[in-house]
């Protein structure tokens, strides 16, 4: 709704993305929440550096500037999501 109400958003393309996210970020968060799961996250700082240097970055900062959005921190978002979703996925896998 903010994009419809903010005159400065007229004619703009606004990406709603607060953080760059890589698959390994999800694996690291999952292992943080469930260390015994053996999910294979790569915690090597050099690996993280390499994927960030070579990855594709989408800039969603216009949403914060034009619409005033405030994003939840990436680690909190990942932790909350993993704690909600992983047990359900695991239960489905066991039931299958």
C-alpha atoms as a PDB file:
ATOM      1  CA  UNK A   1       0.000   0.000   0.000  1.00  0.00           C
ATOM      2  CA  UNK A   2       2.861   2.382   0.697  1.00  0.00           C
ATOM      3  CA  UNK A   3       3.878   2.304  -2.966  1.00  0.00           C
ATOM      4  CA  UNK A   4       0.381   3.388  -3.981  1.00  0.00           C
ATOM      5  CA  UNK A   5       0.303   6.220  -1.466  1.00  0.00           C
ATOM      6  CA  UNK A   6       3.818   7.678  -1.829  1.00  0.00           C
ATOM      7  CA  UNK A   7       3.962  10.194  -4.702  1.00  0.00           C
ATOM      8  CA  UNK A   8       7.724   9.674  -5.074  1.00  0.00           C
ATOM      9  CA  UNK A   9       7.052   5.975  -5.847  1.00  0.00           C
ATOM     10  CA  UNK A  10       5.024   6.842  -8.962  1.00  0.00           C
ATOM     11  CA  UNK A  11       6.541   5.202 -12.028  1.00  0.00           C
ATOM     12  CA  UNK A  12       9.294   3.543  -9.980  1.00  0.00           C
ATOM     13  CA  UNK A  13      10.236  -0.120  -9.899  1.00  0.00           C
ATOM     14  CA  UNK A  14      10.870  -1.029  -6.308  1.00  0.00           C
ATOM     15  CA  UNK A  15      12.494  -4.310  -5.280  1.00  0.00           C
ATOM     16  CA  UNK A  16      11.489  -5.619  -1.876  1.00  0.00           C
ATOM     17  CA  UNK A  17      14.718  -7.272  -0.801  1.00  0.00           C
ATOM     18  CA  UNK A  18      16.471  -6.288   2.377  1.00  0.00           C
ATOM     19  CA  UNK A  19      19.494  -8.566   2.122  1.00  0.00           C
ATOM     20  CA  UNK A  20      21.480 -10.614  -0.308  1.00  0.00           C
ATOM     21  CA  UNK A  21      20.889 -14.268   0.509  1.00  0.00           C
ATOM     22  CA  UNK A  22      22.791 -17.366  -0.558  1.00  0.00           C
ATOM     23  CA  UNK A  23      21.848 -21.005  -0.075  1.00  0.00           C
ATOM     24  CA  UNK A  24      24.742 -21.466   2.322  1.00  0.00           C
ATOM     25  CA  UNK A  25      23.294 -18.700   4.536  1.00  0.00           C
ATOM     26  CA  UNK A  26      20.189 -20.856   4.957  1.00  0.00           C
ATOM     27  CA  UNK A  27      22.284 -23.944   5.700  1.00  0.00           C
ATOM     28  CA  UNK A  28      24.331 -22.040   8.311  1.00  0.00           C
ATOM     29  CA  UNK A  29      21.136 -20.791   9.996  1.00  0.00           C
ATOM     30  CA  UNK A  30      19.694 -24.313   9.965  1.00  0.00           C
ATOM     31  CA  UNK A  31      22.819 -25.742  11.577  1.00  0.00           C
ATOM     32  CA  UNK A  32      22.777 -22.952  14.139  1.00  0.00           C
ATOM     33  CA  UNK A  33      19.227 -23.914  15.089  1.00  0.00           C
ATOM     34  CA  UNK A  34      19.664 -27.696  14.725  1.00  0.00           C
ATOM     35  CA  UNK A  35      23.368 -28.509  15.172  1.00  0.00           C
ATOM     36  CA  UNK A  36      22.795 -32.280  15.200  1.00  0.00           C
ATOM     37  CA  UNK A  37      21.012 -32.301  11.843  1.00  0.00           C
ATOM     38  CA  UNK A  38      24.243 -32.590   9.806  1.00  0.00           C
ATOM     39  CA  UNK A  39      23.071 -30.288   7.033  1.00  0.00           C
ATOM     40  CA  UNK A  40      26.529 -29.609   5.608  1.00  0.00           C
ATOM     41  CA  UNK A  41      26.789 -25.847   5.922  1.00  0.00           C
ATOM     42  CA  UNK A  42      30.153 -24.450   4.933  1.00  0.00           C
ATOM     43  CA  UNK A  43      31.260 -22.150   7.763  1.00  0.00           C
ATOM     44  CA  UNK A  44      34.685 -21.376   6.266  1.00  0.00           C
ATOM     45  CA  UNK A  45      35.039 -17.559   6.180  1.00  0.00           C
ATOM     46  CA  UNK A  46      36.941 -17.792   2.882  1.00  0.00           C
ATOM     47  CA  UNK A  47      34.016 -19.637   1.303  1.00  0.00           C
ATOM     48  CA  UNK A  48      31.576 -16.988   2.512  1.00  0.00           C
ATOM     49  CA  UNK A  49      33.862 -14.258   1.208  1.00  0.00           C
ATOM     50  CA  UNK A  50      34.131 -15.950  -2.208  1.00  0.00           C
ATOM     51  CA  UNK A  51      30.385 -16.346  -2.699  1.00  0.00           C
ATOM     52  CA  UNK A  52      29.789 -12.746  -1.684  1.00  0.00           C
ATOM     53  CA  UNK A  53      32.473 -11.465  -4.057  1.00  0.00           C
ATOM     54  CA  UNK A  54      31.162 -13.529  -6.981  1.00  0.00           C
ATOM     55  CA  UNK A  55      27.444 -13.533  -6.240  1.00  0.00           C
ATOM     56  CA  UNK A  56      24.678 -11.489  -7.789  1.00  0.00           C
ATOM     57  CA  UNK A  57      23.456  -8.645  -5.596  1.00  0.00           C
ATOM     58  CA  UNK A  58      20.015  -7.095  -5.878  1.00  0.00           C
ATOM     59  CA  UNK A  59      19.742  -3.626  -4.382  1.00  0.00           C
ATOM     60  CA  UNK A  60      16.477  -3.139  -2.556  1.00  0.00           C
ATOM     61  CA  UNK A  61      17.493   0.084  -0.823  1.00  0.00           C
ATOM     62  CA  UNK A  62      14.971   2.143  -2.802  1.00  0.00           C
ATOM     63  CA  UNK A  63      12.189   0.551  -0.736  1.00  0.00           C
ATOM     64  CA  UNK A  64      13.738   1.878   2.462  1.00  0.00           C
ATOM     65  CA  UNK A  65      14.343   5.342   1.018  1.00  0.00           C
ATOM     66  CA  UNK A  66      11.092   5.850  -0.893  1.00  0.00           C
ATOM     67  CA  UNK A  67       8.656   3.757   1.129  1.00  0.00           C
ATOM     68  CA  UNK A  68      10.280   3.918   4.551  1.00  0.00           C
ATOM     69  CA  UNK A  69      10.388   0.134   4.903  1.00  0.00           C
ATOM     70  CA  UNK A  70      12.489  -1.346   7.676  1.00  0.00           C
ATOM     71  CA  UNK A  71      13.716  -4.878   7.126  1.00  0.00           C
ATOM     72  CA  UNK A  72      14.245  -7.466   9.829  1.00  0.00           C
ATOM     73  CA  UNK A  73      17.904  -8.469  10.207  1.00  0.00           C
ATOM     74  CA  UNK A  74      18.877 -11.334   7.908  1.00  0.00           C
ATOM     75  CA  UNK A  75      20.061 -13.645  10.711  1.00  0.00           C
ATOM     76  CA  UNK A  76      16.844 -13.128  12.680  1.00  0.00           C
ATOM     77  CA  UNK A  77      14.734 -13.763   9.584  1.00  0.00           C
ATOM     78  CA  UNK A  78      16.659 -16.942   8.783  1.00  0.00           C
ATOM     79  CA  UNK A  79      16.609 -18.197  12.380  1.00  0.00           C
ATOM     80  CA  UNK A  80      12.865 -17.611  12.702  1.00  0.00           C
ATOM     81  CA  UNK A  81      12.151 -19.260   9.346  1.00  0.00           C
ATOM     82  CA  UNK A  82      14.342 -22.292   9.976  1.00  0.00           C
ATOM     83  CA  UNK A  83      12.883 -22.871  13.446  1.00  0.00           C
ATOM     84  CA  UNK A  84       9.384 -22.792  11.931  1.00  0.00           C
ATOM     85  CA  UNK A  85       9.942 -24.756   8.718  1.00  0.00           C
ATOM     86  CA  UNK A  86      12.662 -27.341   9.424  1.00  0.00           C
ATOM     87  CA  UNK A  87      10.747 -29.420  12.001  1.00  0.00           C
ATOM     88  CA  UNK A  88       7.811 -29.663   9.599  1.00  0.00           C
ATOM     89  CA  UNK A  89      10.036 -30.751   6.704  1.00  0.00           C
ATOM     90  CA  UNK A  90      11.743 -33.312   8.915  1.00  0.00           C
ATOM     91  CA  UNK A  91       8.384 -34.695  10.075  1.00  0.00           C
ATOM     92  CA  UNK A  92       7.233 -35.028   6.458  1.00  0.00           C
ATOM     93  CA  UNK A  93      10.450 -36.836   5.512  1.00  0.00           C
ATOM     94  CA  UNK A  94      10.063 -39.290   8.413  1.00  0.00           C
ATOM     95  CA  UNK A  95       6.426 -39.921   7.506  1.00  0.00           C
ATOM     96  CA  UNK A  96       7.261 -40.621   3.835  1.00  0.00           C
END
